Protein backbone atom coordinates (compact mmCIF):
# COMPACT_ATOMS: atom_id res chain seq x y z
CA MET A 1 -36.02 -102.02 22.09
CA THR A 2 -39.92 -100.68 23.32
CA HIS A 3 -41.87 -97.63 22.80
CA ASP A 4 -41.07 -97.03 26.41
CA ASP A 5 -37.49 -97.19 25.78
CA TYR A 6 -37.34 -94.49 23.05
CA SER A 7 -39.89 -92.22 24.24
CA ARG A 8 -37.16 -92.25 27.78
CA ALA A 9 -34.44 -91.20 25.42
CA LEU A 10 -36.10 -88.19 23.67
CA ASP A 11 -37.57 -87.23 27.18
CA ALA A 12 -33.44 -86.98 27.79
CA LEU A 13 -32.35 -85.32 24.93
CA TYR A 14 -35.98 -82.62 25.37
CA ARG A 15 -35.26 -81.86 28.66
CA SER A 16 -33.08 -78.71 27.43
CA VAL A 17 -35.93 -77.98 24.96
CA ASP A 18 -36.13 -73.89 25.68
CA ALA A 19 -32.49 -73.05 26.57
CA SER A 20 -31.68 -71.99 23.23
CA HIS A 21 -34.00 -69.23 24.46
CA ARG A 22 -32.14 -68.14 27.66
CA LEU A 23 -28.51 -68.06 26.82
CA SER A 24 -26.38 -66.20 25.27
CA PRO A 25 -25.94 -67.09 21.40
CA GLY A 26 -22.30 -66.85 22.10
CA LEU A 27 -22.46 -69.10 25.21
CA ASN A 28 -24.86 -71.35 23.15
CA LEU A 29 -21.94 -72.19 20.77
CA GLN A 30 -19.33 -72.63 23.54
CA ARG A 31 -21.39 -75.34 25.31
CA THR A 32 -22.05 -76.45 21.08
CA ARG A 33 -18.02 -76.98 20.21
CA ALA A 34 -17.65 -78.32 24.04
CA LEU A 35 -20.05 -81.26 23.18
CA LEU A 36 -18.64 -82.20 20.62
CA ALA A 37 -15.07 -81.98 21.68
CA ALA A 38 -16.16 -84.47 24.16
CA LEU A 39 -17.47 -86.25 21.18
CA GLY A 40 -14.22 -86.85 19.47
CA ALA A 41 -14.55 -84.20 17.55
CA PRO A 42 -16.70 -85.45 14.59
CA GLN A 43 -16.74 -82.47 12.38
CA GLN A 44 -13.73 -82.99 11.53
CA HIS A 45 -14.42 -86.04 10.51
CA VAL A 46 -17.47 -84.45 8.07
CA ARG A 47 -16.97 -82.58 4.96
CA CYS A 48 -20.09 -80.47 3.98
CA VAL A 49 -22.68 -77.96 2.53
CA ILE A 50 -24.08 -75.65 5.09
CA VAL A 51 -28.02 -74.04 3.80
CA ALA A 52 -28.90 -70.98 5.72
CA GLY A 53 -32.59 -68.73 4.49
CA THR A 54 -35.85 -67.83 5.71
CA LYS A 55 -37.81 -70.29 2.51
CA GLY A 56 -36.87 -73.02 0.60
CA LYS A 57 -33.74 -74.04 2.86
CA GLY A 58 -35.53 -77.55 3.63
CA SER A 59 -35.98 -78.25 -0.15
CA THR A 60 -32.65 -76.79 -1.06
CA ALA A 61 -30.67 -78.90 1.00
CA ALA A 62 -32.62 -82.20 -0.67
CA MET A 63 -31.66 -81.00 -3.36
CA ILE A 64 -28.00 -81.15 -2.64
CA GLU A 65 -28.22 -84.37 -0.99
CA ARG A 66 -30.45 -86.46 -3.66
CA ILE A 67 -27.79 -85.30 -6.62
CA ALA A 68 -24.65 -85.66 -4.24
CA ARG A 69 -26.38 -89.34 -3.91
CA ALA A 70 -27.19 -89.81 -7.51
CA ALA A 71 -23.45 -89.07 -7.95
CA GLY A 72 -22.43 -92.38 -6.27
CA MET A 73 -22.20 -90.27 -2.66
CA ARG A 74 -22.28 -91.34 1.03
CA THR A 75 -24.86 -88.83 2.37
CA GLY A 76 -25.75 -87.32 5.16
CA LEU A 77 -28.78 -84.75 5.95
CA TRP A 78 -29.40 -82.42 9.06
CA THR A 79 -32.61 -81.26 9.00
CA SER A 80 -35.27 -79.67 10.82
CA PRO A 81 -38.67 -79.21 12.38
CA HIS A 82 -39.57 -83.21 11.96
CA LEU A 83 -42.82 -83.92 10.28
CA HIS A 84 -43.36 -87.56 12.34
CA THR A 85 -40.44 -88.26 13.62
CA TYR A 86 -37.02 -87.00 15.63
CA ARG A 87 -35.18 -89.51 13.08
CA GLU A 88 -35.72 -87.59 10.64
CA ARG A 89 -33.76 -84.94 11.39
CA ILE A 90 -30.37 -87.71 11.24
CA GLN A 91 -30.49 -89.15 7.91
CA VAL A 92 -27.37 -91.06 5.69
CA ASP A 93 -28.31 -91.99 2.46
CA GLY A 94 -31.94 -90.55 2.80
CA GLN A 95 -32.63 -93.61 5.28
CA PRO A 96 -33.55 -91.77 9.20
CA ILE A 97 -31.33 -93.34 11.89
CA ALA A 98 -32.61 -96.01 13.82
CA ALA A 99 -34.47 -95.79 16.37
CA ALA A 100 -31.94 -98.37 18.45
CA GLN A 101 -29.28 -96.26 17.43
CA LEU A 102 -30.35 -93.05 18.24
CA ILE A 103 -31.34 -94.56 21.62
CA ALA A 104 -27.94 -95.84 22.88
CA ASP A 105 -26.42 -92.50 20.79
CA ILE A 106 -28.36 -90.23 23.80
CA ASP A 107 -28.41 -92.48 26.49
CA ALA A 108 -24.04 -92.01 25.63
CA VAL A 109 -24.30 -88.63 24.78
CA MET A 110 -26.40 -87.30 28.47
CA PRO A 111 -23.02 -88.10 31.04
CA LEU A 112 -20.87 -85.93 28.85
CA VAL A 113 -24.08 -83.07 28.38
CA ASP A 114 -24.05 -83.46 32.08
CA ASP A 115 -20.25 -82.79 31.89
CA VAL A 116 -20.67 -79.87 29.85
CA ALA A 117 -23.18 -78.31 32.05
CA ARG A 118 -20.52 -78.23 34.91
CA ALA A 119 -17.76 -77.07 33.23
CA THR A 120 -19.86 -74.10 31.42
CA GLY A 121 -23.11 -73.74 34.04
CA GLY A 122 -25.01 -74.72 31.97
CA VAL A 123 -26.44 -77.57 29.92
CA PRO A 124 -26.33 -77.26 26.10
CA ALA A 125 -29.62 -76.49 23.78
CA THR A 126 -31.68 -79.57 22.54
CA PHE A 127 -31.10 -78.16 19.03
CA ALA A 128 -26.99 -78.35 19.67
CA ILE A 129 -26.88 -82.31 21.25
CA GLY A 130 -29.23 -83.32 18.06
CA PHE A 131 -26.91 -81.56 15.94
CA ALA A 132 -23.73 -83.11 17.79
CA LEU A 133 -25.17 -87.04 17.28
CA ALA A 134 -26.04 -85.91 13.81
CA LEU A 135 -22.50 -84.73 13.07
CA GLN A 136 -21.32 -88.10 15.33
CA HIS A 137 -23.82 -90.75 13.39
CA PHE A 138 -21.85 -89.29 9.71
CA ALA A 139 -19.15 -89.78 11.07
CA ARG A 140 -18.94 -93.24 11.61
CA SER A 141 -20.83 -93.70 8.65
CA GLY A 142 -18.21 -92.69 6.08
CA VAL A 143 -20.24 -89.88 5.50
CA GLY A 144 -18.52 -88.36 2.23
CA LEU A 145 -20.39 -85.29 2.20
CA ALA A 146 -23.35 -84.02 4.15
CA VAL A 147 -25.93 -81.64 3.34
CA ILE A 148 -26.77 -79.34 7.35
CA GLU A 149 -29.77 -76.76 6.91
CA VAL A 150 -29.46 -74.19 10.00
CA GLY A 151 -31.67 -74.34 11.81
CA LEU A 152 -32.04 -70.64 13.21
CA GLY A 153 -30.35 -67.83 11.40
CA GLY A 154 -26.94 -68.65 10.78
CA THR A 155 -23.97 -66.66 12.86
CA TYR A 156 -25.34 -68.20 16.33
CA ASP A 157 -26.80 -71.23 14.60
CA SER A 158 -25.40 -74.49 15.83
CA ALA A 159 -23.42 -75.16 12.08
CA ALA A 160 -21.86 -71.96 12.43
CA VAL A 161 -18.90 -74.17 14.32
CA LEU A 162 -18.90 -76.17 10.79
CA GLU A 163 -16.38 -75.15 8.05
CA PRO A 164 -18.27 -75.60 5.09
CA GLU A 165 -17.16 -76.68 1.64
CA CYS A 166 -20.05 -74.40 0.38
CA ALA A 167 -22.49 -71.95 2.00
CA VAL A 168 -26.08 -71.62 0.26
CA ILE A 169 -28.66 -69.04 1.07
CA ALA A 170 -32.12 -69.95 -0.05
CA SER A 171 -34.56 -66.50 -0.02
CA ILE A 172 -34.92 -64.09 2.84
CA SER A 173 -37.87 -62.46 4.29
CA TYR A 174 -39.37 -62.07 7.31
CA ASP A 175 -39.76 -65.23 10.21
CA HIS A 176 -38.40 -65.50 14.01
CA MET A 177 -37.66 -61.59 13.99
CA GLU A 178 -37.84 -61.74 17.81
CA ILE A 179 -34.11 -63.17 17.53
CA LEU A 180 -32.55 -62.51 14.45
CA GLY A 181 -33.95 -58.53 13.81
CA ASP A 182 -36.91 -56.93 12.81
CA THR A 183 -35.71 -56.13 9.45
CA LEU A 184 -34.15 -57.74 6.07
CA ASP A 185 -30.71 -56.27 6.70
CA ALA A 186 -30.52 -57.87 10.03
CA ILE A 187 -31.82 -60.89 9.11
CA ALA A 188 -29.80 -61.34 6.51
CA ARG A 189 -26.89 -60.55 8.18
CA GLN A 190 -26.90 -63.67 10.47
CA LYS A 191 -27.91 -65.57 7.67
CA ALA A 192 -24.57 -64.63 6.21
CA GLY A 193 -23.31 -65.96 9.06
CA ILE A 194 -22.57 -69.54 7.43
CA MET A 195 -20.25 -67.85 5.21
CA ARG A 196 -16.32 -68.66 5.05
CA ARG A 197 -13.57 -66.47 4.08
CA GLY A 198 -12.05 -68.27 1.01
CA ARG A 199 -15.19 -70.53 0.44
CA PRO A 200 -17.32 -69.99 -1.65
CA ALA A 201 -21.38 -68.86 -1.54
CA VAL A 202 -23.95 -68.89 -3.12
CA THR A 203 -27.66 -67.16 -2.51
CA VAL A 204 -30.43 -65.64 -5.05
CA LEU A 205 -31.40 -63.03 -6.08
CA GLN A 206 -32.68 -61.22 -2.90
CA LEU A 207 -35.30 -58.72 -1.53
CA PRO A 208 -33.37 -55.91 -1.91
CA GLU A 209 -31.93 -55.01 1.45
CA ALA A 210 -31.34 -58.38 2.43
CA LEU A 211 -28.99 -58.75 -0.97
CA ALA A 212 -26.96 -55.20 -0.23
CA ALA A 213 -26.08 -57.21 3.59
CA LEU A 214 -25.26 -60.38 1.87
CA ILE A 215 -23.21 -58.21 -0.38
CA ASP A 216 -21.66 -56.57 2.44
CA GLU A 217 -21.17 -59.23 4.70
CA ALA A 218 -19.46 -61.68 1.75
CA ARG A 219 -17.13 -58.51 0.88
CA ARG A 220 -16.27 -58.71 4.95
CA ILE A 221 -15.42 -62.11 5.71
CA GLY A 222 -14.06 -62.40 2.42
CA ALA A 223 -16.00 -65.42 0.88
CA PRO A 224 -16.94 -65.17 -2.79
CA LEU A 225 -20.67 -64.79 -3.67
CA THR A 226 -21.79 -66.18 -6.38
CA LEU A 227 -25.33 -64.71 -7.15
CA VAL A 228 -28.54 -67.17 -9.28
CA ALA A 229 -30.12 -64.20 -11.05
CA ASP A 230 -33.53 -65.60 -13.32
CA PRO A 231 -33.62 -62.94 -16.02
CA ALA A 232 -37.40 -63.66 -15.64
CA SER A 233 -37.23 -62.25 -11.31
CA ASP A 234 -39.50 -59.12 -11.12
CA ARG A 235 -36.30 -57.83 -8.91
CA ALA A 236 -33.63 -55.75 -10.19
CA LEU A 237 -29.73 -56.46 -10.13
CA PRO A 238 -27.36 -54.00 -8.18
CA HIS A 239 -25.98 -51.69 -10.72
CA ASP A 240 -22.46 -51.55 -8.37
CA LEU A 241 -21.66 -54.89 -7.35
CA PRO A 242 -18.15 -55.59 -6.08
CA PRO A 243 -15.65 -57.79 -8.66
CA THR A 244 -16.37 -60.27 -5.39
CA VAL A 245 -19.06 -60.99 -6.94
CA ARG A 246 -20.36 -63.00 -9.77
CA VAL A 247 -23.75 -63.27 -11.26
CA VAL A 248 -24.93 -66.63 -13.10
CA ALA A 249 -28.02 -67.48 -14.52
CA PRO A 250 -29.66 -70.66 -13.69
CA ASP A 251 -28.57 -73.96 -14.68
CA PRO A 252 -30.81 -74.85 -17.84
CA LEU A 253 -30.91 -78.12 -15.80
CA VAL A 254 -34.26 -75.91 -13.35
CA ASP A 255 -35.73 -76.54 -16.54
CA ALA A 256 -35.94 -80.23 -16.55
CA PRO A 257 -38.43 -82.56 -14.55
CA LEU A 258 -37.94 -81.52 -10.43
CA GLY A 259 -39.56 -84.53 -8.05
CA LEU A 260 -40.55 -80.95 -6.29
CA ALA A 261 -43.43 -79.47 -7.56
CA GLY A 262 -44.10 -75.91 -7.81
CA ARG A 263 -42.98 -72.84 -9.58
CA PHE A 264 -40.70 -71.55 -6.53
CA GLN A 265 -38.89 -75.09 -6.23
CA ARG A 266 -37.38 -73.88 -10.11
CA GLU A 267 -35.39 -71.05 -8.03
CA ASN A 268 -34.41 -73.83 -4.98
CA ALA A 269 -33.11 -76.30 -7.96
CA GLY A 270 -31.47 -73.42 -9.13
CA LEU A 271 -29.86 -72.76 -6.53
CA ALA A 272 -28.76 -76.34 -5.55
CA LEU A 273 -27.43 -76.77 -9.07
CA ALA A 274 -25.19 -73.96 -8.20
CA ALA A 275 -23.72 -74.80 -5.62
CA VAL A 276 -23.01 -78.58 -6.48
CA ARG A 277 -21.11 -76.46 -9.89
CA GLN A 278 -19.09 -74.99 -7.42
CA LEU A 279 -17.97 -78.30 -5.68
CA GLN A 280 -17.17 -79.49 -9.04
CA ALA A 281 -14.96 -76.55 -9.77
CA LEU A 282 -13.65 -77.19 -5.58
CA GLY A 283 -12.94 -80.59 -7.45
CA TRP A 284 -15.56 -82.92 -6.59
CA HIS A 285 -16.11 -85.54 -8.65
CA ILE A 286 -20.01 -85.07 -9.21
CA ALA A 287 -21.16 -86.43 -12.98
CA ASP A 288 -23.07 -84.18 -14.79
CA ALA A 289 -25.45 -86.36 -15.51
CA ALA A 290 -26.06 -86.91 -11.22
CA LEU A 291 -27.07 -83.59 -11.67
CA GLY A 292 -30.56 -84.17 -13.73
CA ALA A 293 -30.98 -87.26 -12.14
CA GLY A 294 -30.81 -86.20 -8.71
CA LEU A 295 -33.62 -82.94 -8.99
CA ALA A 296 -35.90 -85.57 -10.39
CA ALA A 297 -35.30 -88.73 -7.71
CA CYS A 298 -35.83 -85.69 -5.02
CA ARG A 299 -39.05 -85.87 -2.95
CA TRP A 300 -39.63 -83.83 -0.02
CA PRO A 301 -42.68 -84.55 1.85
CA ALA A 302 -45.40 -80.92 2.97
CA ARG A 303 -43.72 -79.37 0.37
CA PHE A 304 -46.50 -78.95 -2.20
CA GLU A 305 -47.71 -82.14 -1.68
CA LEU A 306 -50.95 -82.69 -3.75
CA VAL A 307 -53.12 -85.86 -2.25
CA PRO A 308 -55.16 -86.75 -5.09
CA GLY A 309 -59.05 -86.99 -4.75
CA THR A 310 -62.50 -85.28 -4.52
CA PRO A 311 -61.39 -82.72 -4.13
CA PRO A 312 -57.75 -83.11 -4.22
CA ILE A 313 -55.74 -82.28 -0.77
CA LEU A 314 -53.03 -79.69 -1.50
CA ILE A 315 -50.42 -79.47 1.35
CA ASP A 316 -47.80 -77.38 2.29
CA GLY A 317 -45.79 -76.37 5.50
CA ALA A 318 -45.59 -72.62 4.31
CA HIS A 319 -45.55 -70.11 7.87
CA ASN A 320 -44.71 -66.68 6.65
CA GLY A 321 -46.19 -64.19 4.19
CA ASP A 322 -43.71 -64.21 1.83
CA SER A 323 -43.68 -68.58 1.53
CA LEU A 324 -47.80 -68.35 1.70
CA GLN A 325 -47.97 -65.48 -1.28
CA ARG A 326 -45.49 -68.92 -3.46
CA LEU A 327 -47.26 -70.97 -2.57
CA PHE A 328 -50.65 -69.37 -3.86
CA ALA A 329 -48.82 -68.27 -7.02
CA ALA A 330 -48.41 -71.98 -7.30
CA LEU A 331 -51.13 -73.43 -6.85
CA ALA A 332 -53.05 -70.41 -9.78
CA ASP A 333 -51.04 -72.30 -12.09
CA ALA A 334 -51.48 -75.88 -11.11
CA PHE A 335 -55.22 -74.99 -11.08
CA PRO A 336 -56.33 -71.86 -13.04
CA GLY A 337 -59.34 -70.13 -11.48
CA VAL A 338 -59.81 -72.26 -8.37
CA ALA A 339 -60.00 -70.92 -4.73
CA PRO A 340 -59.42 -72.80 -2.12
CA VAL A 341 -60.90 -74.04 1.20
CA VAL A 342 -58.21 -73.72 3.44
CA VAL A 343 -57.55 -75.78 6.33
CA PHE A 344 -54.76 -73.49 8.83
CA GLY A 345 -52.92 -73.59 11.52
CA THR A 346 -49.89 -71.44 12.70
CA SER A 347 -47.67 -71.16 15.83
CA ARG A 348 -47.12 -68.79 17.88
CA GLY A 349 -45.31 -66.10 17.43
CA LYS A 350 -45.75 -66.07 13.89
CA ASP A 351 -46.09 -63.06 11.76
CA LEU A 352 -49.92 -62.64 11.08
CA PRO A 353 -49.89 -59.25 9.55
CA ARG A 354 -48.13 -60.42 7.09
CA MET A 355 -49.43 -63.69 6.83
CA LEU A 356 -53.44 -63.49 6.96
CA PRO A 357 -53.55 -60.82 3.86
CA VAL A 358 -52.60 -63.16 1.87
CA LEU A 359 -54.67 -65.88 2.93
CA VAL A 360 -58.07 -64.15 3.13
CA ARG A 361 -56.98 -62.75 -0.77
CA HIS A 362 -56.84 -66.51 -2.03
CA ALA A 363 -59.15 -68.93 -0.01
CA ALA A 364 -62.75 -69.60 -0.71
CA ALA A 365 -63.03 -70.69 3.02
CA ILE A 366 -61.07 -70.89 5.95
CA VAL A 367 -61.08 -73.85 8.90
CA LEU A 368 -58.96 -72.66 11.76
CA THR A 369 -57.29 -75.68 13.38
CA SER A 370 -54.31 -76.41 15.88
CA SER A 371 -51.68 -78.92 15.77
CA GLN A 372 -50.71 -80.95 19.38
CA HIS A 373 -47.35 -79.31 19.21
CA HIS A 374 -46.43 -77.30 21.45
CA ARG A 375 -45.63 -74.63 19.84
CA ALA A 376 -49.11 -74.30 17.91
CA LEU A 377 -51.40 -71.65 18.13
CA ALA A 378 -54.52 -72.60 20.16
CA GLU A 379 -56.32 -69.46 20.59
CA LEU A 380 -58.41 -70.02 18.00
CA HIS A 381 -61.27 -67.71 18.55
CA ASP A 382 -58.98 -64.73 18.66
CA LEU A 383 -57.09 -66.00 15.28
CA GLU A 384 -60.70 -66.33 13.77
CA ALA A 385 -60.90 -62.48 14.39
CA GLN A 386 -58.05 -61.41 12.65
CA VAL A 387 -58.45 -63.13 9.98
CA CYS A 388 -62.13 -61.33 9.84
CA ALA A 389 -60.39 -58.34 10.27
CA ALA A 390 -57.81 -58.92 7.54
CA ALA A 391 -60.73 -59.69 5.08
CA SER A 392 -62.58 -56.71 5.87
CA HIS A 393 -66.25 -57.85 5.11
CA GLY A 394 -67.79 -61.01 5.75
CA ALA A 395 -68.26 -62.92 2.91
CA LEU A 396 -65.84 -65.01 3.80
CA PRO A 397 -66.57 -67.72 5.80
CA VAL A 398 -64.60 -68.60 8.20
CA VAL A 399 -64.60 -71.96 11.02
CA CYS A 400 -63.25 -72.92 14.00
CA VAL A 401 -62.48 -76.66 14.19
CA PRO A 402 -59.51 -77.35 16.76
CA ASP A 403 -59.10 -81.31 15.96
CA PRO A 404 -57.15 -80.82 12.67
CA ALA A 405 -58.84 -84.08 11.55
CA ASP A 406 -62.35 -83.10 11.81
CA ALA A 407 -61.24 -79.81 10.18
CA LEU A 408 -59.83 -81.78 7.05
CA ALA A 409 -62.93 -83.33 7.34
CA ARG A 410 -65.09 -80.24 7.38
CA ALA A 411 -62.92 -78.83 4.64
CA ARG A 412 -63.52 -81.91 2.84
CA ALA A 413 -67.26 -81.99 2.65
CA TRP A 414 -67.55 -78.12 2.43
CA PRO A 415 -70.12 -77.62 -0.63
CA ASP A 416 -68.69 -77.18 -4.55
CA ALA A 417 -64.96 -77.81 -2.55
CA ALA A 418 -62.80 -78.39 -5.89
CA LEU A 419 -59.61 -78.04 -3.99
CA VAL A 420 -58.69 -78.16 -0.08
CA CYS A 421 -54.98 -76.78 0.79
CA VAL A 422 -53.80 -77.54 4.23
CA THR A 423 -51.32 -74.70 5.21
CA GLY A 424 -49.75 -72.42 8.16
CA SER A 425 -47.14 -74.44 9.71
CA LEU A 426 -45.26 -77.56 9.28
CA PHE A 427 -46.87 -79.33 12.05
CA LEU A 428 -49.77 -79.14 10.76
CA ALA A 429 -48.79 -80.01 7.43
CA ALA A 430 -47.23 -83.53 9.22
CA ALA A 431 -51.25 -84.04 11.49
CA ALA A 432 -52.71 -83.40 7.76
CA ARG A 433 -50.35 -86.45 6.11
CA GLU A 434 -50.95 -88.47 9.34
CA VAL A 435 -54.95 -88.12 8.86
CA LEU A 436 -55.32 -89.02 5.04
CA GLY A 437 -52.11 -92.36 6.22
CA LEU A 438 -49.64 -90.93 4.17
CA PRO A 439 -46.63 -93.17 3.91
CA HIS A 440 -44.11 -91.68 6.27
CA ASP A 441 -41.76 -92.93 9.12
CA ALA A 442 -42.61 -93.10 12.53
CA ASP A 443 -41.73 -93.77 16.08
CA PRO A 444 -41.76 -97.23 17.47
CA ALA A 445 -44.73 -98.66 18.19
């Protein structure tokens, strides 16, 4: 196996990269089902939990998987996007799929993709193909529980073809509005598409509009809904909850040591624990000791990841206004009184009117940059103008440094910098991790 073999296989996989934006959602699901049928319906041999949400879904999925592994199960984990290599998206027992196996799987599936294209009039989306390969890998590996992170929304995501043991919905805010809708009601109803009649669903105390939509959808679908409500939250519980909604306080284990840093991970941990408690109630053999052990052992790179040094560097893939707000709140806890020099880069189509006011309110200086990803926002001078407009004053230093390595070096050398924070997208977070030489899986050389 060579780098050329691997690149050729991924090129074949990515040939339909934009299909998900061109096709009707229903047609995408039809093609996903057809491809899974051609693969022998691996989803019928994989029991799963599905995790949706705007922010925190990746961390929540990682925590559930790690708890299940601590309980002695063979686990599968499907997440997106990846940081360093596509293989990260498909993991069994915490290990990415081997490059040789992925190449073989892609080579074997592409003729089936062509068959589906002839039968349905078009090629399945790249995401759907990867999702089908993940289920195939989980089935042949004898996975006892697969944790599936939704890629986008819920109702029309590839995961909508599954029948989960439990549906998990993390915090909902504004993102992908051009696809999911421009209100929290519309976005939440899309996320609720992972719920199933008679199957438990769990969520956190959401913003009122999102929570009302989730409760309404759970009632319509017939899914019993558990709401994890932290008494310390500034969000109020609705007064007219239907009897199908059960309210619980966060499990006490959220106050135990967590492997993932940042105050916002407490909410994610509470949600993960509530999901596992649902599995226990369904008869899954998960010892209580595995819950704390799994949370403590969980690692999820580029999520409030601190790199010691002078100055220290904090890497976080926050990519919308709400997640940036949570990031800076956690930074204030960890570094009280310190305003960071922020290396910021984002992707096209992100909600800058909600992101930039948060950014300029908390940064001591901003170094704008762009990752090499095809979705990265590369028009830095236009971004600089928007940042300066959001600042509404000339006191905030803002510079443009297109190369991420140079941008990070500039930030680290900033006069009197006490902390550097790299954020705005997972693609930029990955670039920073590679520049700093942090351990990561890589593609074949």
